[in-house]
Amino acid sequence: MKKEYLFLGLAVTLLIIILFSNYWFLLDKDPIDQSAFGSMFGVSSALFSGLAFLGLIYTIFLQMKELSLQRDELKLTREELHKSAEAHQNALNYQQQQAKSLERAAIINGYSVLLDALKERDKMCDFYKSKSENYKFDKAVIHNQIADLTKKLEAFIK
């Protein structure tokens, strides 16, 4: 990169030196000699104009090549963004499935806690019945509640 700048700097410096030396050389000449000297470079002017035009065409070619590379890069970027969006969608689907599983586990856990509470109530019935003859609680109601809750739990699991 520095070599390119060095070459460009040398070319500009050389061009400036040539221009000033021509000006200095023709300063004391009469206008007819100056005119003849200037028309002597007519062919070189056409040559430099052609070279400038070729330089312009070359820069256009380089820009076309660069634009083609940018299009390819943009296409690759779009493909990567599409893959990233698919990965995000898959992660979202997985999280939704996980949330449903956790919800089902919480409901099953709630049913389990209710069943445990009813079983404890059944045990307490037996305990109070053994202590007091006047205890009038029907165990059949508790057993019906346990059976209903068990059916609900089995239906939910299926």
Protein backbone atom coordinates (compact mmCIF):
# COMPACT_ATOMS: atom_id res chain seq x y z
CA MET A 1 0.00 0.00 0.00
CA LYS A 2 2.82 2.42 0.82
CA LYS A 3 4.57 1.56 -2.44
CA GLU A 4 1.51 2.69 -4.39
CA TYR A 5 1.46 6.02 -2.55
CA LEU A 6 5.19 6.42 -3.08
CA PHE A 7 4.81 5.81 -6.83
CA LEU A 8 1.90 8.25 -7.02
CA GLY A 9 3.87 10.90 -5.12
CA LEU A 10 6.88 10.49 -7.41
CA ALA A 11 4.71 10.74 -10.53
CA VAL A 12 3.03 13.94 -9.32
CA THR A 13 6.38 15.45 -8.34
CA LEU A 14 7.89 14.59 -11.73
CA LEU A 15 4.90 16.09 -13.53
CA ILE A 16 5.21 19.33 -11.56
CA ILE A 17 8.95 19.53 -12.31
CA ILE A 18 8.33 19.02 -16.05
CA LEU A 19 5.63 21.72 -16.12
CA PHE A 20 7.79 24.29 -14.34
CA SER A 21 10.86 23.51 -16.47
CA ASN A 22 8.80 24.00 -19.67
CA TYR A 23 7.45 27.25 -18.31
CA TRP A 24 10.94 28.42 -17.37
CA PHE A 25 12.36 27.34 -20.74
CA LEU A 26 9.68 29.24 -22.72
CA LEU A 27 9.55 32.33 -20.52
CA ASP A 28 12.07 34.36 -22.53
CA LYS A 29 10.91 33.14 -25.99
CA ASP A 30 8.63 35.14 -28.25
CA PRO A 31 4.99 33.98 -28.73
CA ILE A 32 5.61 32.45 -32.17
CA ASP A 33 8.32 30.14 -30.80
CA GLN A 34 6.11 29.33 -27.81
CA SER A 35 3.25 28.44 -30.16
CA ALA A 36 5.45 26.20 -32.28
CA PHE A 37 6.79 24.50 -29.17
CA GLY A 38 3.24 23.90 -27.84
CA SER A 39 1.93 22.46 -31.12
CA MET A 40 4.85 20.04 -31.14
CA PHE A 41 3.13 18.16 -28.28
CA GLY A 42 -0.25 17.77 -30.09
CA VAL A 43 0.28 14.05 -30.68
CA SER A 44 1.24 13.47 -27.08
CA SER A 45 -1.93 15.29 -25.97
CA ALA A 46 -4.03 12.86 -27.98
CA LEU A 47 -2.02 9.98 -26.55
CA PHE A 48 -2.54 11.18 -22.98
CA SER A 49 -6.25 11.71 -23.65
CA GLY A 50 -6.52 8.14 -24.91
CA LEU A 51 -4.61 6.85 -21.90
CA ALA A 52 -6.90 8.82 -19.60
CA PHE A 53 -9.91 7.28 -21.34
CA LEU A 54 -8.40 3.80 -20.93
CA GLY A 55 -7.83 4.58 -17.26
CA LEU A 56 -11.49 5.55 -16.95
CA ILE A 57 -12.60 2.31 -18.63
CA TYR A 58 -10.30 0.32 -16.33
CA THR A 59 -11.76 1.98 -13.22
CA ILE A 60 -15.27 1.18 -14.47
CA PHE A 61 -14.19 -2.44 -14.97
CA LEU A 62 -12.78 -2.54 -11.42
CA GLN A 63 -16.01 -1.09 -10.05
CA MET A 64 -18.06 -3.72 -11.90
CA LYS A 65 -15.86 -6.44 -10.46
CA GLU A 66 -16.20 -4.99 -6.95
CA LEU A 67 -19.98 -4.72 -7.31
CA SER A 68 -20.10 -8.36 -8.40
CA LEU A 69 -18.15 -9.35 -5.30
CA GLN A 70 -20.48 -7.27 -3.13
CA ARG A 71 -23.52 -8.99 -4.68
CA ASP A 72 -22.02 -12.38 -3.90
CA GLU A 73 -21.27 -11.31 -0.34
CA LEU A 74 -24.80 -9.95 0.06
CA LYS A 75 -26.22 -13.26 -1.17
CA LEU A 76 -24.11 -15.16 1.37
CA THR A 77 -25.21 -12.76 4.10
CA ARG A 78 -28.87 -13.33 3.23
CA GLU A 79 -28.35 -17.09 3.37
CA GLU A 80 -26.72 -16.81 6.80
CA LEU A 81 -29.54 -14.60 8.07
CA HIS A 82 -32.05 -17.16 6.79
CA LYS A 83 -30.20 -19.95 8.63
CA SER A 84 -30.10 -17.81 11.76
CA ALA A 85 -33.85 -17.17 11.55
CA GLU A 86 -34.49 -20.91 11.19
CA ALA A 87 -32.31 -21.62 14.23
CA HIS A 88 -34.23 -19.02 16.25
CA GLN A 89 -37.54 -20.55 15.14
CA ASN A 90 -36.34 -24.02 16.18
CA ALA A 91 -35.27 -22.67 19.56
CA LEU A 92 -38.66 -21.01 19.99
CA ASN A 93 -40.47 -24.25 19.14
CA TYR A 94 -38.31 -26.14 21.63
CA GLN A 95 -39.03 -23.59 24.36
CA GLN A 96 -42.76 -23.81 23.68
CA GLN A 97 -42.65 -27.60 23.95
CA GLN A 98 -40.67 -27.30 27.15
CA ALA A 99 -43.22 -24.84 28.58
CA LYS A 100 -46.08 -27.24 27.75
CA SER A 101 -44.20 -30.09 29.41
CA LEU A 102 -43.62 -28.00 32.52
CA GLU A 103 -47.29 -27.02 32.59
CA ARG A 104 -48.36 -30.67 32.36
CA ALA A 105 -45.89 -31.60 35.10
CA ALA A 106 -47.29 -28.87 37.35
CA ILE A 107 -50.87 -30.07 36.81
CA ILE A 108 -49.87 -33.69 37.49
CA ASN A 109 -48.04 -32.55 40.59
CA GLY A 110 -51.17 -30.69 41.74
CA TYR A 111 -53.30 -33.81 41.28
CA SER A 112 -50.71 -35.81 43.17
CA VAL A 113 -50.79 -33.38 46.09
CA LEU A 114 -54.61 -33.55 46.17
CA LEU A 115 -54.50 -37.36 46.18
CA ASP A 116 -51.99 -37.34 49.02
CA ALA A 117 -54.21 -34.94 50.98
CA LEU A 118 -57.27 -37.17 50.48
CA LYS A 119 -55.30 -40.23 51.59
CA GLU A 120 -54.20 -38.39 54.73
CA ARG A 121 -57.82 -37.43 55.35
CA ASP A 122 -58.78 -41.09 55.03
CA LYS A 123 -56.15 -42.02 57.63
CA MET A 124 -57.42 -39.27 59.94
CA CYS A 125 -60.94 -40.69 59.60
CA ASP A 126 -59.70 -44.05 60.80
CA PHE A 127 -57.86 -42.40 63.69
CA TYR A 128 -60.84 -40.30 64.88
CA LYS A 129 -63.25 -43.22 64.49
CA SER A 130 -61.07 -45.32 66.76
CA LYS A 131 -61.00 -42.57 69.41
CA SER A 132 -64.63 -41.58 69.41
CA GLU A 133 -67.82 -43.48 68.82
CA ASN A 134 -69.69 -40.30 67.97
CA TYR A 135 -67.53 -39.50 64.93
CA LYS A 136 -69.89 -39.46 61.96
CA PHE A 137 -67.74 -38.97 58.89
CA ASP A 138 -68.38 -41.15 55.91
CA LYS A 139 -65.28 -42.75 54.42
CA ALA A 140 -67.22 -43.53 51.27
CA VAL A 141 -67.23 -39.82 50.37
CA ILE A 142 -63.43 -39.68 50.65
CA HIS A 143 -63.04 -42.87 48.61
CA ASN A 144 -65.35 -41.44 45.90
CA GLN A 145 -63.28 -38.23 45.82
CA ILE A 146 -60.06 -40.28 45.50
CA ALA A 147 -61.58 -42.36 42.68
CA ASP A 148 -62.81 -39.24 40.81
CA LEU A 149 -59.46 -37.52 41.17
CA THR A 150 -57.62 -40.65 39.99
CA LYS A 151 -59.86 -40.83 36.89
CA LYS A 152 -59.22 -37.14 36.13
CA LEU A 153 -55.49 -37.67 36.50
CA GLU A 154 -55.50 -40.72 34.21
CA ALA A 155 -57.58 -38.84 31.62
CA PHE A 156 -55.18 -35.89 31.74
CA ILE A 157 -52.13 -38.10 31.33
CA LYS A 158 -53.60 -39.81 28.25
